[in-house]
Amino acid sequence: MVQEAKGILGRESELQQVVQLIGQDALSDLEREILLVSRILREDLLQQSAIHDVDAFCPLEKSYWMLKVILHFHEVAQEALRGGISLDELGNAVFLQRVARMKELPYDRAVGRMQFLIEEINTEFGRMKDRKEKADE
């Protein structure tokens, strides 16, 4: 999982060069999703706040589950984009706010909440897929 996250962050660096030269509109939705996930990795997993009691220290198990949720979102999002769902629809999903706030979860409740968040991601992507299929009919 760590190698996959490193790969995403490395790809972000390449894509940022393209964005600086040509603009973000030159990127496909799949590439812009990588930028979204890399931002989530940087801001919501790697950055910590020494001021916030819960976020000042993150146990390994909690970090593992946070990374698992983010990479699960990435995998399902890439699949959804290939299936014709727009990046705008993905970016407006309610669960993204919960993903961003995972680091604020107290450790004793974090793992269960993150497992539930994975289920919520699956459910929401299932709804998006169903709406897309109905719209295509």
C-alpha atoms as a PDB file:
ATOM      1  CA  MET A   1       0.000   0.000   0.000  1.00  0.00           C
ATOM      2  CA  VAL A   2       2.843   2.368   0.801  1.00  0.00           C
ATOM      3  CA  GLN A   3       4.370   1.801  -2.635  1.00  0.00           C
ATOM      4  CA  GLU A   4       1.022   2.522  -4.273  1.00  0.00           C
ATOM      5  CA  ALA A   5       0.700   5.769  -2.318  1.00  0.00           C
ATOM      6  CA  LYS A   6       4.257   6.752  -3.284  1.00  0.00           C
ATOM      7  CA  GLY A   7       3.421   6.007  -6.896  1.00  0.00           C
ATOM      8  CA  ILE A   8       0.370   8.267  -6.747  1.00  0.00           C
ATOM      9  CA  LEU A   9       2.399  11.089  -5.205  1.00  0.00           C
ATOM     10  CA  GLY A  10       5.121  10.621  -7.841  1.00  0.00           C
ATOM     11  CA  ARG A  11       2.527  10.717 -10.619  1.00  0.00           C
ATOM     12  CA  GLU A  12       1.135  13.905  -9.071  1.00  0.00           C
ATOM     13  CA  SER A  13       4.513  15.562  -9.504  1.00  0.00           C
ATOM     14  CA  GLU A  14       4.520  14.693 -13.221  1.00  0.00           C
ATOM     15  CA  LEU A  15       0.948  15.892 -13.662  1.00  0.00           C
ATOM     16  CA  GLN A  16       1.659  19.165 -11.859  1.00  0.00           C
ATOM     17  CA  GLN A  17       4.329  19.923 -14.466  1.00  0.00           C
ATOM     18  CA  VAL A  18       1.746  19.438 -17.212  1.00  0.00           C
ATOM     19  CA  VAL A  19      -0.730  21.622 -15.343  1.00  0.00           C
ATOM     20  CA  GLN A  20       1.844  24.414 -15.016  1.00  0.00           C
ATOM     21  CA  LEU A  21       2.659  24.308 -18.728  1.00  0.00           C
ATOM     22  CA  ILE A  22      -0.739  23.712 -20.306  1.00  0.00           C
ATOM     23  CA  GLY A  23      -3.362  23.975 -17.580  1.00  0.00           C
ATOM     24  CA  GLN A  24      -5.546  21.510 -15.713  1.00  0.00           C
ATOM     25  CA  ASP A  25      -8.049  21.339 -18.581  1.00  0.00           C
ATOM     26  CA  ALA A  26      -5.445  19.376 -20.570  1.00  0.00           C
ATOM     27  CA  LEU A  27      -5.719  16.480 -18.115  1.00  0.00           C
ATOM     28  CA  SER A  28      -8.206  13.656 -18.388  1.00  0.00           C
ATOM     29  CA  ASP A  29     -10.624  12.935 -15.541  1.00  0.00           C
ATOM     30  CA  LEU A  30      -8.484   9.914 -14.600  1.00  0.00           C
ATOM     31  CA  GLU A  31      -5.429  12.160 -14.257  1.00  0.00           C
ATOM     32  CA  ARG A  32      -7.330  14.822 -12.339  1.00  0.00           C
ATOM     33  CA  GLU A  33      -8.566  12.108  -9.963  1.00  0.00           C
ATOM     34  CA  ILE A  34      -4.918  11.291  -9.249  1.00  0.00           C
ATOM     35  CA  LEU A  35      -4.402  14.948  -8.306  1.00  0.00           C
ATOM     36  CA  LEU A  36      -7.428  14.718  -5.990  1.00  0.00           C
ATOM     37  CA  VAL A  37      -6.188  11.548  -4.300  1.00  0.00           C
ATOM     38  CA  SER A  38      -2.655  12.894  -3.946  1.00  0.00           C
ATOM     39  CA  ARG A  39      -4.054  16.009  -2.251  1.00  0.00           C
ATOM     40  CA  ILE A  40      -6.020  13.765   0.120  1.00  0.00           C
ATOM     41  CA  LEU A  41      -2.864  11.756   0.839  1.00  0.00           C
ATOM     42  CA  ARG A  42      -0.808  14.862   1.547  1.00  0.00           C
ATOM     43  CA  GLU A  43      -3.364  16.900   3.488  1.00  0.00           C
ATOM     44  CA  ASP A  44      -5.403  14.245   5.248  1.00  0.00           C
ATOM     45  CA  LEU A  45      -2.894  11.459   5.865  1.00  0.00           C
ATOM     46  CA  LEU A  46       0.598  12.912   5.936  1.00  0.00           C
ATOM     47  CA  GLN A  47      -0.019  16.299   7.551  1.00  0.00           C
ATOM     48  CA  GLN A  48      -0.527  16.278  11.286  1.00  0.00           C
ATOM     49  CA  SER A  49      -1.497  19.012  13.684  1.00  0.00           C
ATOM     50  CA  ALA A  50       0.481  19.229  16.899  1.00  0.00           C
ATOM     51  CA  ILE A  51      -2.252  21.471  18.308  1.00  0.00           C
ATOM     52  CA  HIS A  52      -5.061  18.926  17.853  1.00  0.00           C
ATOM     53  CA  ASP A  53      -4.841  16.288  20.620  1.00  0.00           C
ATOM     54  CA  VAL A  54      -6.107  13.405  18.477  1.00  0.00           C
ATOM     55  CA  ASP A  55      -4.030  14.328  15.419  1.00  0.00           C
ATOM     56  CA  ALA A  56      -0.765  15.091  17.249  1.00  0.00           C
ATOM     57  CA  PHE A  57       0.047  11.366  17.343  1.00  0.00           C
ATOM     58  CA  CYS A  58      -1.332   8.691  15.040  1.00  0.00           C
ATOM     59  CA  PRO A  59      -0.908   5.008  15.957  1.00  0.00           C
ATOM     60  CA  LEU A  60       0.260   2.704  13.171  1.00  0.00           C
ATOM     61  CA  GLU A  61      -3.050   0.816  12.985  1.00  0.00           C
ATOM     62  CA  LYS A  62      -4.994   4.041  12.487  1.00  0.00           C
ATOM     63  CA  SER A  63      -2.541   5.203   9.798  1.00  0.00           C
ATOM     64  CA  TYR A  64      -2.924   1.832   8.077  1.00  0.00           C
ATOM     65  CA  TRP A  65      -6.716   2.136   7.962  1.00  0.00           C
ATOM     66  CA  MET A  66      -6.576   5.762   6.815  1.00  0.00           C
ATOM     67  CA  LEU A  67      -4.306   4.755   3.927  1.00  0.00           C
ATOM     68  CA  LYS A  68      -6.548   1.772   3.175  1.00  0.00           C
ATOM     69  CA  VAL A  69      -9.626   4.029   2.910  1.00  0.00           C
ATOM     70  CA  ILE A  70      -7.863   6.540   0.641  1.00  0.00           C
ATOM     71  CA  LEU A  71      -6.476   3.850  -1.677  1.00  0.00           C
ATOM     72  CA  HIS A  72      -9.856   2.107  -1.761  1.00  0.00           C
ATOM     73  CA  PHE A  73     -11.464   5.374  -2.801  1.00  0.00           C
ATOM     74  CA  HIS A  74      -8.798   5.774  -5.513  1.00  0.00           C
ATOM     75  CA  GLU A  75      -9.366   2.274  -6.876  1.00  0.00           C
ATOM     76  CA  VAL A  76     -13.151   2.582  -6.965  1.00  0.00           C
ATOM     77  CA  ALA A  77     -12.983   6.139  -8.358  1.00  0.00           C
ATOM     78  CA  GLN A  78     -10.725   5.084 -11.227  1.00  0.00           C
ATOM     79  CA  GLU A  79     -13.140   2.266 -12.064  1.00  0.00           C
ATOM     80  CA  ALA A  80     -16.115   4.646 -11.906  1.00  0.00           C
ATOM     81  CA  LEU A  81     -14.410   7.167 -14.180  1.00  0.00           C
ATOM     82  CA  ARG A  82     -13.692   4.434 -16.726  1.00  0.00           C
ATOM     83  CA  GLY A  83     -17.400   3.586 -16.474  1.00  0.00           C
ATOM     84  CA  GLY A  84     -18.421   7.091 -17.499  1.00  0.00           C
ATOM     85  CA  ILE A  85     -19.088   8.776 -14.144  1.00  0.00           C
ATOM     86  CA  SER A  86     -17.794  12.349 -14.105  1.00  0.00           C
ATOM     87  CA  LEU A  87     -15.060  13.609 -11.811  1.00  0.00           C
ATOM     88  CA  ASP A  88     -17.369  16.422 -10.711  1.00  0.00           C
ATOM     89  CA  GLU A  89     -19.840  13.868  -9.385  1.00  0.00           C
ATOM     90  CA  LEU A  90     -17.034  12.068  -7.521  1.00  0.00           C
ATOM     91  CA  GLY A  91     -15.633  15.287  -6.113  1.00  0.00           C
ATOM     92  CA  ASN A  92     -19.011  16.276  -4.687  1.00  0.00           C
ATOM     93  CA  ALA A  93     -19.568  12.988  -2.845  1.00  0.00           C
ATOM     94  CA  VAL A  94     -20.459  13.467   0.826  1.00  0.00           C
ATOM     95  CA  PHE A  95     -18.079  10.786   2.051  1.00  0.00           C
ATOM     96  CA  LEU A  96     -15.072  12.821   0.885  1.00  0.00           C
ATOM     97  CA  GLN A  97     -15.635  15.136   3.842  1.00  0.00           C
ATOM     98  CA  ARG A  98     -15.535  12.105   6.139  1.00  0.00           C
ATOM     99  CA  VAL A  99     -12.321  10.925   4.479  1.00  0.00           C
ATOM    100  CA  ALA A 100     -10.783  14.356   5.096  1.00  0.00           C
ATOM    101  CA  ARG A 101     -11.743  14.186   8.779  1.00  0.00           C
ATOM    102  CA  MET A 102     -10.508  10.641   9.489  1.00  0.00           C
ATOM    103  CA  LYS A 103      -7.456  11.957  11.302  1.00  0.00           C
ATOM    104  CA  GLU A 104      -9.743  13.636  13.847  1.00  0.00           C
ATOM    105  CA  LEU A 105     -11.328  10.328  14.894  1.00  0.00           C
ATOM    106  CA  PRO A 106     -10.296   9.135  18.362  1.00  0.00           C
ATOM    107  CA  TYR A 107      -8.166   6.010  18.069  1.00  0.00           C
ATOM    108  CA  ASP A 108     -10.564   3.781  20.035  1.00  0.00           C
ATOM    109  CA  ARG A 109     -13.342   4.374  17.467  1.00  0.00           C
ATOM    110  CA  ALA A 110     -11.247   5.022  14.357  1.00  0.00           C
ATOM    111  CA  VAL A 111     -10.884   1.528  12.908  1.00  0.00           C
ATOM    112  CA  GLY A 112     -14.592   0.721  13.076  1.00  0.00           C
ATOM    113  CA  ARG A 113     -15.536   4.092  11.593  1.00  0.00           C
ATOM    114  CA  MET A 114     -13.042   3.659   8.760  1.00  0.00           C
ATOM    115  CA  GLN A 115     -14.327   0.169   7.985  1.00  0.00           C
ATOM    116  CA  PHE A 116     -17.797   1.685   7.813  1.00  0.00           C
ATOM    117  CA  LEU A 117     -16.438   4.453   5.570  1.00  0.00           C
ATOM    118  CA  ILE A 118     -15.206   1.844   3.076  1.00  0.00           C
ATOM    119  CA  GLU A 119     -18.718   0.392   2.999  1.00  0.00           C
ATOM    120  CA  GLU A 120     -20.142   3.894   2.547  1.00  0.00           C
ATOM    121  CA  ILE A 121     -17.793   4.525  -0.389  1.00  0.00           C
ATOM    122  CA  ASN A 122     -18.917   1.271  -2.013  1.00  0.00           C
ATOM    123  CA  THR A 123     -22.579   2.142  -1.470  1.00  0.00           C
ATOM    124  CA  GLU A 124     -22.241   5.651  -2.878  1.00  0.00           C
ATOM    125  CA  PHE A 125     -20.335   4.468  -5.931  1.00  0.00           C
ATOM    126  CA  GLY A 126     -23.011   1.828  -6.458  1.00  0.00           C
ATOM    127  CA  ARG A 127     -25.647   4.582  -6.439  1.00  0.00           C
ATOM    128  CA  MET A 128     -23.636   6.654  -8.903  1.00  0.00           C
ATOM    129  CA  LYS A 129     -23.336   3.653 -11.194  1.00  0.00           C
ATOM    130  CA  ASP A 130     -27.077   2.965 -10.968  1.00  0.00           C
ATOM    131  CA  ARG A 131     -27.895   6.618 -11.803  1.00  0.00           C
ATOM    132  CA  LYS A 132     -25.515   6.497 -14.757  1.00  0.00           C
ATOM    133  CA  GLU A 133     -27.093   3.297 -16.072  1.00  0.00           C
ATOM    134  CA  LYS A 134     -30.605   4.731 -15.744  1.00  0.00           C
ATOM    135  CA  ALA A 135     -29.539   7.923 -17.508  1.00  0.00           C
ATOM    136  CA  ASP A 136     -28.038   5.891 -20.340  1.00  0.00           C
ATOM    137  CA  GLU A 137     -31.282   3.957 -20.921  1.00  0.00           C
END
